[in-house]
Amino acid sequence: LYKTQLPATLGLEGAGVVLAVGEEVSDLRPGDRVAYAGGPLGAYATE
């Protein structure tokens, strides 16, 4: 009903722990507890 490119990992919402951050990220660090919602798709995964 809603289109997405296949193959796709489903899911738009999750919570967990930051393992690593890329360049230009200053307000998060490994170990922070975080959550998100709204996408992009990809929440149905262990990482």
ModelCIF file with pLDDT and N, C-alpha, C, O atoms, coordinates in Angstrom:
data_MODEL
#
_entry.id   MODEL 
#
_entity.id                         1 
_entity.type                       polymer 
_entity.pdbx_number_of_molecules   1 
#
_entity_poly.entity_id                      1 
_entity_poly.type                           'polypeptide(L)' 
_entity_poly.nstd_linkage                   no 
_entity_poly.nstd_monomer                   no 
_entity_poly.pdbx_seq_one_letter_code       LYKTQLPATLGLEGAGVVLAVGEEVSDLRPGDRVAYAGGPLGAYATE 
_entity_poly.pdbx_seq_one_letter_code_can   LYKTQLPATLGLEGAGVVLAVGEEVSDLRPGDRVAYAGGPLGAYATE 
_entity_poly.pdbx_strand_id                 A 
#
loop_
_entity_poly_seq.entity_id 
_entity_poly_seq.num 
_entity_poly_seq.mon_id 
_entity_poly_seq.hetero 
1 1  LEU n 
1 2  TYR n 
1 3  LYS n 
1 4  THR n 
1 5  GLN n 
1 6  LEU n 
1 7  PRO n 
1 8  ALA n 
1 9  THR n 
1 10 LEU n 
1 11 GLY n 
1 12 LEU n 
1 13 GLU n 
1 14 GLY n 
1 15 ALA n 
1 16 GLY n 
1 17 VAL n 
1 18 VAL n 
1 19 LEU n 
1 20 ALA n 
1 21 VAL n 
1 22 GLY n 
1 23 GLU n 
1 24 GLU n 
1 25 VAL n 
1 26 SER n 
1 27 ASP n 
1 28 LEU n 
1 29 ARG n 
1 30 PRO n 
1 31 GLY n 
1 32 ASP n 
1 33 ARG n 
1 34 VAL n 
1 35 ALA n 
1 36 TYR n 
1 37 ALA n 
1 38 GLY n 
1 39 GLY n 
1 40 PRO n 
1 41 LEU n 
1 42 GLY n 
1 43 ALA n 
1 44 TYR n 
1 45 ALA n 
1 46 THR n 
1 47 GLU n 
#
_struct_asym.id          A 
_struct_asym.entity_id   1 
#
loop_
_ma_qa_metric.id 
_ma_qa_metric.mode 
_ma_qa_metric.name 
_ma_qa_metric.software_group_id 
_ma_qa_metric.type 
1 global pLDDT . pLDDT 
2 local  pLDDT . pLDDT 
#
_ma_qa_metric_global.metric_id      1 
_ma_qa_metric_global.metric_value   95.49 
_ma_qa_metric_global.model_id       1 
_ma_qa_metric_global.ordinal_id     1 
#
loop_
_ma_qa_metric_local.label_asym_id 
_ma_qa_metric_local.label_comp_id 
_ma_qa_metric_local.label_seq_id 
_ma_qa_metric_local.metric_id 
_ma_qa_metric_local.metric_value 
_ma_qa_metric_local.model_id 
_ma_qa_metric_local.ordinal_id 
A LEU 1  2 91.00 1 1  
A TYR 2  2 92.00 1 2  
A LYS 3  2 94.00 1 3  
A THR 4  2 96.00 1 4  
A GLN 5  2 96.00 1 5  
A LEU 6  2 96.00 1 6  
A PRO 7  2 97.00 1 7  
A ALA 8  2 97.00 1 8  
A THR 9  2 98.00 1 9  
A LEU 10 2 97.00 1 10 
A GLY 11 2 97.00 1 11 
A LEU 12 2 95.00 1 12 
A GLU 13 2 96.00 1 13 
A GLY 14 2 97.00 1 14 
A ALA 15 2 98.00 1 15 
A GLY 16 2 98.00 1 16 
A VAL 17 2 98.00 1 17 
A VAL 18 2 98.00 1 18 
A LEU 19 2 98.00 1 19 
A ALA 20 2 97.00 1 20 
A VAL 21 2 96.00 1 21 
A GLY 22 2 95.00 1 22 
A GLU 23 2 94.00 1 23 
A GLU 24 2 93.00 1 24 
A VAL 25 2 94.00 1 25 
A SER 26 2 91.00 1 26 
A ASP 27 2 92.00 1 27 
A LEU 28 2 96.00 1 28 
A ARG 29 2 96.00 1 29 
A PRO 30 2 97.00 1 30 
A GLY 31 2 97.00 1 31 
A ASP 32 2 97.00 1 32 
A ARG 33 2 98.00 1 33 
A VAL 34 2 98.00 1 34 
A ALA 35 2 97.00 1 35 
A TYR 36 2 96.00 1 36 
A ALA 37 2 95.00 1 37 
A GLY 38 2 87.00 1 38 
A GLY 39 2 78.00 1 39 
A PRO 40 2 92.00 1 40 
A LEU 41 2 96.00 1 41 
A GLY 42 2 97.00 1 42 
A ALA 43 2 98.00 1 43 
A TYR 44 2 98.00 1 44 
A ALA 45 2 98.00 1 45 
A THR 46 2 98.00 1 46 
A GLU 47 2 98.00 1 47 
#
loop_
_atom_site.group_PDB 
_atom_site.id 
_atom_site.type_symbol 
_atom_site.label_atom_id 
_atom_site.label_alt_id 
_atom_site.label_comp_id 
_atom_site.label_asym_id 
_atom_site.label_entity_id 
_atom_site.label_seq_id 
_atom_site.pdbx_PDB_ins_code 
_atom_site.Cartn_x 
_atom_site.Cartn_y 
_atom_site.Cartn_z 
_atom_site.occupancy 
_atom_site.B_iso_or_equiv 
_atom_site.pdbx_formal_charge 
_atom_site.auth_seq_id 
_atom_site.auth_comp_id 
_atom_site.auth_asym_id 
_atom_site.auth_atom_id 
_atom_site.pdbx_PDB_model_num 
ATOM 1   N N  . LEU A 1 1  ? 0.844  -1.200 0.000  1.00 91.00 ? 1  LEU A N  1 
ATOM 2   C CA . LEU A 1 1  ? 0.000  0.000  0.000  1.00 91.00 ? 1  LEU A CA 1 
ATOM 3   C C  . LEU A 1 1  ? 0.876  1.246  0.000  1.00 91.00 ? 1  LEU A C  1 
ATOM 4   O O  . LEU A 1 1  ? 0.601  2.212  -0.713 1.00 91.00 ? 1  LEU A O  1 
ATOM 5   N N  . TYR A 1 2  ? 1.939  1.214  0.812  1.00 92.00 ? 2  TYR A N  1 
ATOM 6   C CA . TYR A 1 2  ? 2.960  2.253  0.771  1.00 92.00 ? 2  TYR A CA 1 
ATOM 7   C C  . TYR A 1 2  ? 4.182  1.670  0.060  1.00 92.00 ? 2  TYR A C  1 
ATOM 8   O O  . TYR A 1 2  ? 4.635  0.575  0.394  1.00 92.00 ? 2  TYR A O  1 
ATOM 9   N N  . LYS A 1 3  ? 4.702  2.390  -0.900 1.00 94.00 ? 3  LYS A N  1 
ATOM 10  C CA . LYS A 1 3  ? 5.762  1.871  -1.754 1.00 94.00 ? 3  LYS A CA 1 
ATOM 11  C C  . LYS A 1 3  ? 7.137  2.064  -1.131 1.00 94.00 ? 3  LYS A C  1 
ATOM 12  O O  . LYS A 1 3  ? 7.403  3.070  -0.473 1.00 94.00 ? 3  LYS A O  1 
ATOM 13  N N  . THR A 1 4  ? 8.008  1.080  -1.353 1.00 96.00 ? 4  THR A N  1 
ATOM 14  C CA . THR A 1 4  ? 9.408  1.190  -0.969 1.00 96.00 ? 4  THR A CA 1 
ATOM 15  C C  . THR A 1 4  ? 10.228 0.299  -1.875 1.00 96.00 ? 4  THR A C  1 
ATOM 16  O O  . THR A 1 4  ? 9.708  -0.651 -2.460 1.00 96.00 ? 4  THR A O  1 
ATOM 17  N N  . GLN A 1 5  ? 11.486 0.598  -1.991 1.00 96.00 ? 5  GLN A N  1 
ATOM 18  C CA . GLN A 1 5  ? 12.379 -0.203 -2.823 1.00 96.00 ? 5  GLN A CA 1 
ATOM 19  C C  . GLN A 1 5  ? 12.656 -1.545 -2.153 1.00 96.00 ? 5  GLN A C  1 
ATOM 20  O O  . GLN A 1 5  ? 12.889 -1.608 -0.946 1.00 96.00 ? 5  GLN A O  1 
ATOM 21  N N  . LEU A 1 6  ? 12.630 -2.610 -2.940 1.00 96.00 ? 6  LEU A N  1 
ATOM 22  C CA . LEU A 1 6  ? 12.869 -3.958 -2.437 1.00 96.00 ? 6  LEU A CA 1 
ATOM 23  C C  . LEU A 1 6  ? 14.244 -4.451 -2.869 1.00 96.00 ? 6  LEU A C  1 
ATOM 24  O O  . LEU A 1 6  ? 14.739 -4.027 -3.913 1.00 96.00 ? 6  LEU A O  1 
ATOM 25  N N  . PRO A 1 7  ? 14.883 -5.346 -2.088 1.00 97.00 ? 7  PRO A N  1 
ATOM 26  C CA . PRO A 1 7  ? 14.430 -5.842 -0.780 1.00 97.00 ? 7  PRO A CA 1 
ATOM 27  C C  . PRO A 1 7  ? 14.490 -4.743 0.274  1.00 97.00 ? 7  PRO A C  1 
ATOM 28  O O  . PRO A 1 7  ? 15.264 -3.793 0.158  1.00 97.00 ? 7  PRO A O  1 
ATOM 29  N N  . ALA A 1 8  ? 13.660 -4.890 1.304  1.00 97.00 ? 8  ALA A N  1 
ATOM 30  C CA . ALA A 1 8  ? 13.585 -3.861 2.336  1.00 97.00 ? 8  ALA A CA 1 
ATOM 31  C C  . ALA A 1 8  ? 13.514 -4.497 3.708  1.00 97.00 ? 8  ALA A C  1 
ATOM 32  O O  . ALA A 1 8  ? 12.928 -5.565 3.887  1.00 97.00 ? 8  ALA A O  1 
ATOM 33  N N  . THR A 1 9  ? 14.117 -3.826 4.671  1.00 98.00 ? 9  THR A N  1 
ATOM 34  C CA . THR A 1 9  ? 13.965 -4.169 6.084  1.00 98.00 ? 9  THR A CA 1 
ATOM 35  C C  . THR A 1 9  ? 12.849 -3.300 6.636  1.00 98.00 ? 9  THR A C  1 
ATOM 36  O O  . THR A 1 9  ? 12.916 -2.074 6.554  1.00 98.00 ? 9  THR A O  1 
ATOM 37  N N  . LEU A 1 10 ? 11.824 -3.926 7.199  1.00 97.00 ? 10 LEU A N  1 
ATOM 38  C CA . LEU A 1 10 ? 10.659 -3.191 7.677  1.00 97.00 ? 10 LEU A CA 1 
ATOM 39  C C  . LEU A 1 10 ? 10.969 -2.463 8.985  1.00 97.00 ? 10 LEU A C  1 
ATOM 40  O O  . LEU A 1 10 ? 12.044 -2.621 9.562  1.00 97.00 ? 10 LEU A O  1 
ATOM 41  N N  . GLY A 1 11 ? 10.008 -1.665 9.435  1.00 97.00 ? 11 GLY A N  1 
ATOM 42  C CA . GLY A 1 11 ? 10.077 -1.059 10.762 1.00 97.00 ? 11 GLY A CA 1 
ATOM 43  C C  . GLY A 1 11 ? 10.508 0.384  10.769 1.00 97.00 ? 11 GLY A C  1 
ATOM 44  O O  . GLY A 1 11 ? 11.446 0.775  10.074 1.00 97.00 ? 11 GLY A O  1 
ATOM 45  N N  . LEU A 1 12 ? 9.799  1.184  11.577 1.00 95.00 ? 12 LEU A N  1 
ATOM 46  C CA . LEU A 1 12 ? 10.024 2.630  11.640 1.00 95.00 ? 12 LEU A CA 1 
ATOM 47  C C  . LEU A 1 12 ? 10.296 3.129  13.050 1.00 95.00 ? 12 LEU A C  1 
ATOM 48  O O  . LEU A 1 12 ? 10.343 4.339  13.272 1.00 95.00 ? 12 LEU A O  1 
ATOM 49  N N  . GLU A 1 13 ? 10.477 2.224  14.011 1.00 96.00 ? 13 GLU A N  1 
ATOM 50  C CA . GLU A 1 13 ? 10.564 2.669  15.404 1.00 96.00 ? 13 GLU A CA 1 
ATOM 51  C C  . GLU A 1 13 ? 11.411 1.711  16.210 1.00 96.00 ? 13 GLU A C  1 
ATOM 52  O O  . GLU A 1 13 ? 11.252 0.495  16.107 1.00 96.00 ? 13 GLU A O  1 
ATOM 53  N N  . GLY A 1 14 ? 12.312 2.253  17.013 1.00 97.00 ? 14 GLY A N  1 
ATOM 54  C CA . GLY A 1 14 ? 13.128 1.385  17.841 1.00 97.00 ? 14 GLY A CA 1 
ATOM 55  C C  . GLY A 1 14 ? 13.803 2.134  18.970 1.00 97.00 ? 14 GLY A C  1 
ATOM 56  O O  . GLY A 1 14 ? 13.777 3.364  19.027 1.00 97.00 ? 14 GLY A O  1 
ATOM 57  N N  . ALA A 1 15 ? 14.401 1.379  19.856 1.00 98.00 ? 15 ALA A N  1 
ATOM 58  C CA . ALA A 1 15 ? 15.138 1.960  20.976 1.00 98.00 ? 15 ALA A CA 1 
ATOM 59  C C  . ALA A 1 15 ? 16.315 1.046  21.290 1.00 98.00 ? 15 ALA A C  1 
ATOM 60  O O  . ALA A 1 15 ? 16.233 -0.173 21.140 1.00 98.00 ? 15 ALA A O  1 
ATOM 61  N N  . GLY A 1 16 ? 17.410 1.658  21.728 1.00 98.00 ? 16 GLY A N  1 
ATOM 62  C CA . GLY A 1 16 ? 18.583 0.861  22.043 1.00 98.00 ? 16 GLY A CA 1 
ATOM 63  C C  . GLY A 1 16 ? 19.744 1.708  22.488 1.00 98.00 ? 16 GLY A C  1 
ATOM 64  O O  . GLY A 1 16 ? 19.566 2.758  23.106 1.00 98.00 ? 16 GLY A O  1 
ATOM 65  N N  . VAL A 1 17 ? 20.937 1.246  22.170 1.00 98.00 ? 17 VAL A N  1 
ATOM 66  C CA . VAL A 1 17 ? 22.167 1.860  22.654 1.00 98.00 ? 17 VAL A CA 1 
ATOM 67  C C  . VAL A 1 17 ? 23.056 2.220  21.469 1.00 98.00 ? 17 VAL A C  1 
ATOM 68  O O  . VAL A 1 17 ? 23.195 1.435  20.531 1.00 98.00 ? 17 VAL A O  1 
ATOM 69  N N  . VAL A 1 18 ? 23.652 3.400  21.513 1.00 98.00 ? 18 VAL A N  1 
ATOM 70  C CA . VAL A 1 18 ? 24.584 3.822  20.473 1.00 98.00 ? 18 VAL A CA 1 
ATOM 71  C C  . VAL A 1 18 ? 25.872 3.000  20.591 1.00 98.00 ? 18 VAL A C  1 
ATOM 72  O O  . VAL A 1 18 ? 26.474 2.905  21.661 1.00 98.00 ? 18 VAL A O  1 
ATOM 73  N N  . LEU A 1 19 ? 26.274 2.412  19.468 1.00 98.00 ? 19 LEU A N  1 
ATOM 74  C CA . LEU A 1 19 ? 27.520 1.645  19.432 1.00 98.00 ? 19 LEU A CA 1 
ATOM 75  C C  . LEU A 1 19 ? 28.677 2.458  18.863 1.00 98.00 ? 19 LEU A C  1 
ATOM 76  O O  . LEU A 1 19 ? 29.816 2.327  19.312 1.00 98.00 ? 19 LEU A O  1 
ATOM 77  N N  . ALA A 1 20 ? 28.380 3.300  17.869 1.00 97.00 ? 20 ALA A N  1 
ATOM 78  C CA . ALA A 1 20 ? 29.424 4.109  17.230 1.00 97.00 ? 20 ALA A CA 1 
ATOM 79  C C  . ALA A 1 20 ? 28.761 5.284  16.528 1.00 97.00 ? 20 ALA A C  1 
ATOM 80  O O  . ALA A 1 20 ? 27.589 5.222  16.157 1.00 97.00 ? 20 ALA A O  1 
ATOM 81  N N  . VAL A 1 21 ? 29.519 6.345  16.352 1.00 96.00 ? 21 VAL A N  1 
ATOM 82  C CA . VAL A 1 21 ? 29.019 7.517  15.623 1.00 96.00 ? 21 VAL A CA 1 
ATOM 83  C C  . VAL A 1 21 ? 30.017 7.893  14.536 1.00 96.00 ? 21 VAL A C  1 
ATOM 84  O O  . VAL A 1 21 ? 31.216 7.638  14.647 1.00 96.00 ? 21 VAL A O  1 
ATOM 85  N N  . GLY A 1 22 ? 29.485 8.507  13.483 1.00 95.00 ? 22 GLY A N  1 
ATOM 86  C CA . GLY A 1 22 ? 30.332 8.971  12.401 1.00 95.00 ? 22 GLY A CA 1 
ATOM 87  C C  . GLY A 1 22 ? 30.832 10.376 12.649 1.00 95.00 ? 22 GLY A C  1 
ATOM 88  O O  . GLY A 1 22 ? 30.559 10.976 13.688 1.00 95.00 ? 22 GLY A O  1 
ATOM 89  N N  . GLU A 1 23 ? 31.563 10.889 11.690 1.00 94.00 ? 23 GLU A N  1 
ATOM 90  C CA . GLU A 1 23 ? 32.042 12.264 11.765 1.00 94.00 ? 23 GLU A CA 1 
ATOM 91  C C  . GLU A 1 23 ? 30.859 13.229 11.786 1.00 94.00 ? 23 GLU A C  1 
ATOM 92  O O  . GLU A 1 23 ? 29.779 12.914 11.286 1.00 94.00 ? 23 GLU A O  1 
ATOM 93  N N  . GLU A 1 24 ? 31.070 14.386 12.359 1.00 93.00 ? 24 GLU A N  1 
ATOM 94  C CA . GLU A 1 24 ? 30.081 15.467 12.415 1.00 93.00 ? 24 GLU A CA 1 
ATOM 95  C C  . GLU A 1 24 ? 28.991 15.213 13.458 1.00 93.00 ? 24 GLU A C  1 
ATOM 96  O O  . GLU A 1 24 ? 28.029 15.977 13.536 1.00 93.00 ? 24 GLU A O  1 
ATOM 97  N N  . VAL A 1 25 ? 29.125 14.158 14.258 1.00 94.00 ? 25 VAL A N  1 
ATOM 98  C CA . VAL A 1 25 ? 28.160 13.902 15.330 1.00 94.00 ? 25 VAL A CA 1 
ATOM 99  C C  . VAL A 1 25 ? 28.780 14.343 16.642 1.00 94.00 ? 25 VAL A C  1 
ATOM 100 O O  . VAL A 1 25 ? 29.776 13.775 17.091 1.00 94.00 ? 25 VAL A O  1 
ATOM 101 N N  . SER A 1 26 ? 28.186 15.362 17.257 1.00 91.00 ? 26 SER A N  1 
ATOM 102 C CA . SER A 1 26 ? 28.774 15.917 18.482 1.00 91.00 ? 26 SER A CA 1 
ATOM 103 C C  . SER A 1 26 ? 27.901 15.727 19.712 1.00 91.00 ? 26 SER A C  1 
ATOM 104 O O  . SER A 1 26 ? 28.387 15.851 20.836 1.00 91.00 ? 26 SER A O  1 
ATOM 105 N N  . ASP A 1 27 ? 26.607 15.426 19.516 1.00 92.00 ? 27 ASP A N  1 
ATOM 106 C CA . ASP A 1 27 ? 25.710 15.360 20.666 1.00 92.00 ? 27 ASP A CA 1 
ATOM 107 C C  . ASP A 1 27 ? 25.361 13.934 21.072 1.00 92.00 ? 27 ASP A C  1 
ATOM 108 O O  . ASP A 1 27 ? 24.526 13.736 21.955 1.00 92.00 ? 27 ASP A O  1 
ATOM 109 N N  . LEU A 1 28 ? 25.985 12.931 20.444 1.00 96.00 ? 28 LEU A N  1 
ATOM 110 C CA . LEU A 1 28 ? 25.794 11.538 20.823 1.00 96.00 ? 28 LEU A CA 1 
ATOM 111 C C  . LEU A 1 28 ? 27.154 10.875 20.972 1.00 96.00 ? 28 LEU A C  1 
ATOM 112 O O  . LEU A 1 28 ? 28.127 11.270 20.331 1.00 96.00 ? 28 LEU A O  1 
ATOM 113 N N  . ARG A 1 29 ? 27.205 9.853  21.832 1.00 96.00 ? 29 ARG A N  1 
ATOM 114 C CA . ARG A 1 29 ? 28.437 9.085  21.972 1.00 96.00 ? 29 ARG A CA 1 
ATOM 115 C C  . ARG A 1 29 ? 28.088 7.646  22.306 1.00 96.00 ? 29 ARG A C  1 
ATOM 116 O O  . ARG A 1 29 ? 26.988 7.373  22.788 1.00 96.00 ? 29 ARG A O  1 
ATOM 117 N N  . PRO A 1 30 ? 29.015 6.710  22.055 1.00 97.00 ? 30 PRO A N  1 
ATOM 118 C CA . PRO A 1 30 ? 28.740 5.314  22.381 1.00 97.00 ? 30 PRO A CA 1 
ATOM 119 C C  . PRO A 1 30 ? 28.287 5.147  23.834 1.00 97.00 ? 30 PRO A C  1 
ATOM 120 O O  . PRO A 1 30 ? 28.846 5.741  24.756 1.00 97.00 ? 30 PRO A O  1 
ATOM 121 N N  . GLY A 1 31 ? 27.259 4.320  23.999 1.00 97.00 ? 31 GLY A N  1 
ATOM 122 C CA . GLY A 1 31 ? 26.700 4.083  25.328 1.00 97.00 ? 31 GLY A CA 1 
ATOM 123 C C  . GLY A 1 31 ? 25.430 4.858  25.607 1.00 97.00 ? 31 GLY A C  1 
ATOM 124 O O  . GLY A 1 31 ? 24.691 4.511  26.529 1.00 97.00 ? 31 GLY A O  1 
ATOM 125 N N  . ASP A 1 32 ? 25.153 5.910  24.828 1.00 97.00 ? 32 ASP A N  1 
ATOM 126 C CA . ASP A 1 32 ? 23.925 6.667  25.027 1.00 97.00 ? 32 ASP A CA 1 
ATOM 127 C C  . ASP A 1 32 ? 22.698 5.809  24.718 1.00 97.00 ? 32 ASP A C  1 
ATOM 128 O O  . ASP A 1 32 ? 22.680 5.057  23.744 1.00 97.00 ? 32 ASP A O  1 
ATOM 129 N N  . ARG A 1 33 ? 21.676 5.935  25.561 1.00 98.00 ? 33 ARG A N  1 
ATOM 130 C CA . ARG A 1 33 ? 20.391 5.273  25.324 1.00 98.00 ? 33 ARG A CA 1 
ATOM 131 C C  . ARG A 1 33 ? 19.528 6.182  24.472 1.00 98.00 ? 33 ARG A C  1 
ATOM 132 O O  . ARG A 1 33 ? 19.322 7.345  24.818 1.00 98.00 ? 33 ARG A O  1 
ATOM 133 N N  . VAL A 1 34 ? 19.019 5.665  23.357 1.00 98.00 ? 34 VAL A N  1 
ATOM 134 C CA . VAL A 1 34 ? 18.311 6.501  22.398 1.00 98.00 ? 34 VAL A CA 1 
ATOM 135 C C  . VAL A 1 34 ? 17.073 5.783  21.869 1.00 98.00 ? 34 VAL A C  1 
ATOM 136 O O  . VAL A 1 34 ? 16.908 4.574  22.029 1.00 98.00 ? 34 VAL A O  1 
ATOM 137 N N  . ALA A 1 35 ? 16.218 6.567  21.239 1.00 97.00 ? 35 ALA A N  1 
ATOM 138 C CA . ALA A 1 35 ? 15.044 6.021  20.563 1.00 97.00 ? 35 ALA A CA 1 
ATOM 139 C C  . ALA A 1 35 ? 14.750 6.884  19.346 1.00 97.00 ? 35 ALA A C  1 
ATOM 140 O O  . ALA A 1 35 ? 15.247 8.003  19.217 1.00 97.00 ? 35 ALA A O  1 
ATOM 141 N N  . TYR A 1 36 ? 13.930 6.336  18.459 1.00 96.00 ? 36 TYR A N  1 
ATOM 142 C CA . TYR A 1 36 ? 13.572 7.081  17.244 1.00 96.00 ? 36 TYR A CA 1 
ATOM 143 C C  . TYR A 1 36 ? 12.240 6.550  16.722 1.00 96.00 ? 36 TYR A C  1 
ATOM 144 O O  . TYR A 1 36 ? 11.778 5.483  17.128 1.00 96.00 ? 36 TYR A O  1 
ATOM 145 N N  . ALA A 1 37 ? 11.643 7.302  15.830 1.00 95.00 ? 37 ALA A N  1 
ATOM 146 C CA . ALA A 1 37 ? 10.424 6.865  15.152 1.00 95.00 ? 37 ALA A CA 1 
ATOM 147 C C  . ALA A 1 37 ? 10.283 7.631  13.857 1.00 95.00 ? 37 ALA A C  1 
ATOM 148 O O  . ALA A 1 37 ? 10.778 8.750  13.724 1.00 95.00 ? 37 ALA A O  1 
ATOM 149 N N  . GLY A 1 38 ? 9.608  7.024  12.913 1.00 87.00 ? 38 GLY A N  1 
ATOM 150 C CA . GLY A 1 38 ? 9.265  7.725  11.692 1.00 87.00 ? 38 GLY A CA 1 
ATOM 151 C C  . GLY A 1 38 ? 10.147 7.426  10.499 1.00 87.00 ? 38 GLY A C  1 
ATOM 152 O O  . GLY A 1 38 ? 9.892  7.934  9.407  1.00 87.00 ? 38 GLY A O  1 
ATOM 153 N N  . GLY A 1 39 ? 11.165 6.625  10.676 1.00 78.00 ? 39 GLY A N  1 
ATOM 154 C CA . GLY A 1 39 ? 11.929 6.207  9.519  1.00 78.00 ? 39 GLY A CA 1 
ATOM 155 C C  . GLY A 1 39 ? 13.252 6.898  9.369  1.00 78.00 ? 39 GLY A C  1 
ATOM 156 O O  . GLY A 1 39 ? 13.614 7.765  10.165 1.00 78.00 ? 39 GLY A O  1 
ATOM 157 N N  . PRO A 1 40 ? 13.982 6.503  8.329  1.00 92.00 ? 40 PRO A N  1 
ATOM 158 C CA . PRO A 1 40 ? 13.558 5.600  7.256  1.00 92.00 ? 40 PRO A CA 1 
ATOM 159 C C  . PRO A 1 40 ? 13.385 4.164  7.731  1.00 92.00 ? 40 PRO A C  1 
ATOM 160 O O  . PRO A 1 40 ? 13.716 3.828  8.868  1.00 92.00 ? 40 PRO A O  1 
ATOM 161 N N  . LEU A 1 41 ? 12.853 3.309  6.832  1.00 96.00 ? 41 LEU A N  1 
ATOM 162 C CA . LEU A 1 41 ? 12.676 1.907  7.165  1.00 96.00 ? 41 LEU A CA 1 
ATOM 163 C C  . LEU A 1 41 ? 13.994 1.285  7.616  1.00 96.00 ? 41 LEU A C  1 
ATOM 164 O O  . LEU A 1 41 ? 15.076 1.735  7.238  1.00 96.00 ? 41 LEU A O  1 
ATOM 165 N N  . GLY A 1 42 ? 13.875 0.230  8.439  1.00 97.00 ? 42 GLY A N  1 
ATOM 166 C CA . GLY A 1 42 ? 15.075 -0.474 8.852  1.00 97.00 ? 42 GLY A CA 1 
ATOM 167 C C  . GLY A 1 42 ? 15.111 -0.902 10.304 1.00 97.00 ? 42 GLY A C  1 
ATOM 168 O O  . GLY A 1 42 ? 16.143 -1.382 10.773 1.00 97.00 ? 42 GLY A O  1 
ATOM 169 N N  . ALA A 1 43 ? 14.008 -0.742 11.036 1.00 98.00 ? 43 ALA A N  1 
ATOM 170 C CA . ALA A 1 43 ? 14.022 -1.033 12.473 1.00 98.00 ? 43 ALA A CA 1 
ATOM 171 C C  . ALA A 1 43 ? 13.998 -2.519 12.792 1.00 98.00 ? 43 ALA A C  1 
ATOM 172 O O  . ALA A 1 43 ? 14.457 -2.913 13.864 1.00 98.00 ? 43 ALA A O  1 
ATOM 173 N N  . TYR A 1 44 ? 13.479 -3.362 11.900 1.00 98.00 ? 44 TYR A N  1 
ATOM 174 C CA . TYR A 1 44 ? 13.400 -4.794 12.185 1.00 98.00 ? 44 TYR A CA 1 
ATOM 175 C C  . TYR A 1 44 ? 14.774 -5.441 12.010 1.00 98.00 ? 44 TYR A C  1 
ATOM 176 O O  . TYR A 1 44 ? 14.950 -6.306 11.152 1.00 98.00 ? 44 TYR A O  1 
ATOM 177 N N  . ALA A 1 45 ? 15.732 -5.026 12.811 1.00 98.00 ? 45 ALA A N  1 
ATOM 178 C CA . ALA A 1 45 ? 17.095 -5.522 12.720 1.00 98.00 ? 45 ALA A CA 1 
ATOM 179 C C  . ALA A 1 45 ? 17.742 -5.458 14.092 1.00 98.00 ? 45 ALA A C  1 
ATOM 180 O O  . ALA A 1 45 ? 17.348 -4.648 14.931 1.00 98.00 ? 45 ALA A O  1 
ATOM 181 N N  . THR A 1 46 ? 18.733 -6.309 14.322 1.00 98.00 ? 46 THR A N  1 
ATOM 182 C CA . THR A 1 46 ? 19.422 -6.263 15.604 1.00 98.00 ? 46 THR A CA 1 
ATOM 183 C C  . THR A 1 46 ? 20.281 -5.007 15.719 1.00 98.00 ? 46 THR A C  1 
ATOM 184 O O  . THR A 1 46 ? 20.425 -4.459 16.812 1.00 98.00 ? 46 THR A O  1 
ATOM 185 N N  . GLU A 1 47 ? 20.854 -4.543 14.611 1.00 98.00 ? 47 GLU A N  1 
ATOM 186 C CA . GLU A 1 47 ? 21.629 -3.304 14.586 1.00 98.00 ? 47 GLU A CA 1 
ATOM 187 C C  . GLU A 1 47 ? 21.307 -2.540 13.313 1.00 98.00 ? 47 GLU A C  1 
ATOM 188 O O  . GLU A 1 47 ? 21.851 -1.460 13.086 1.00 98.00 ? 47 GLU A O  1 
#
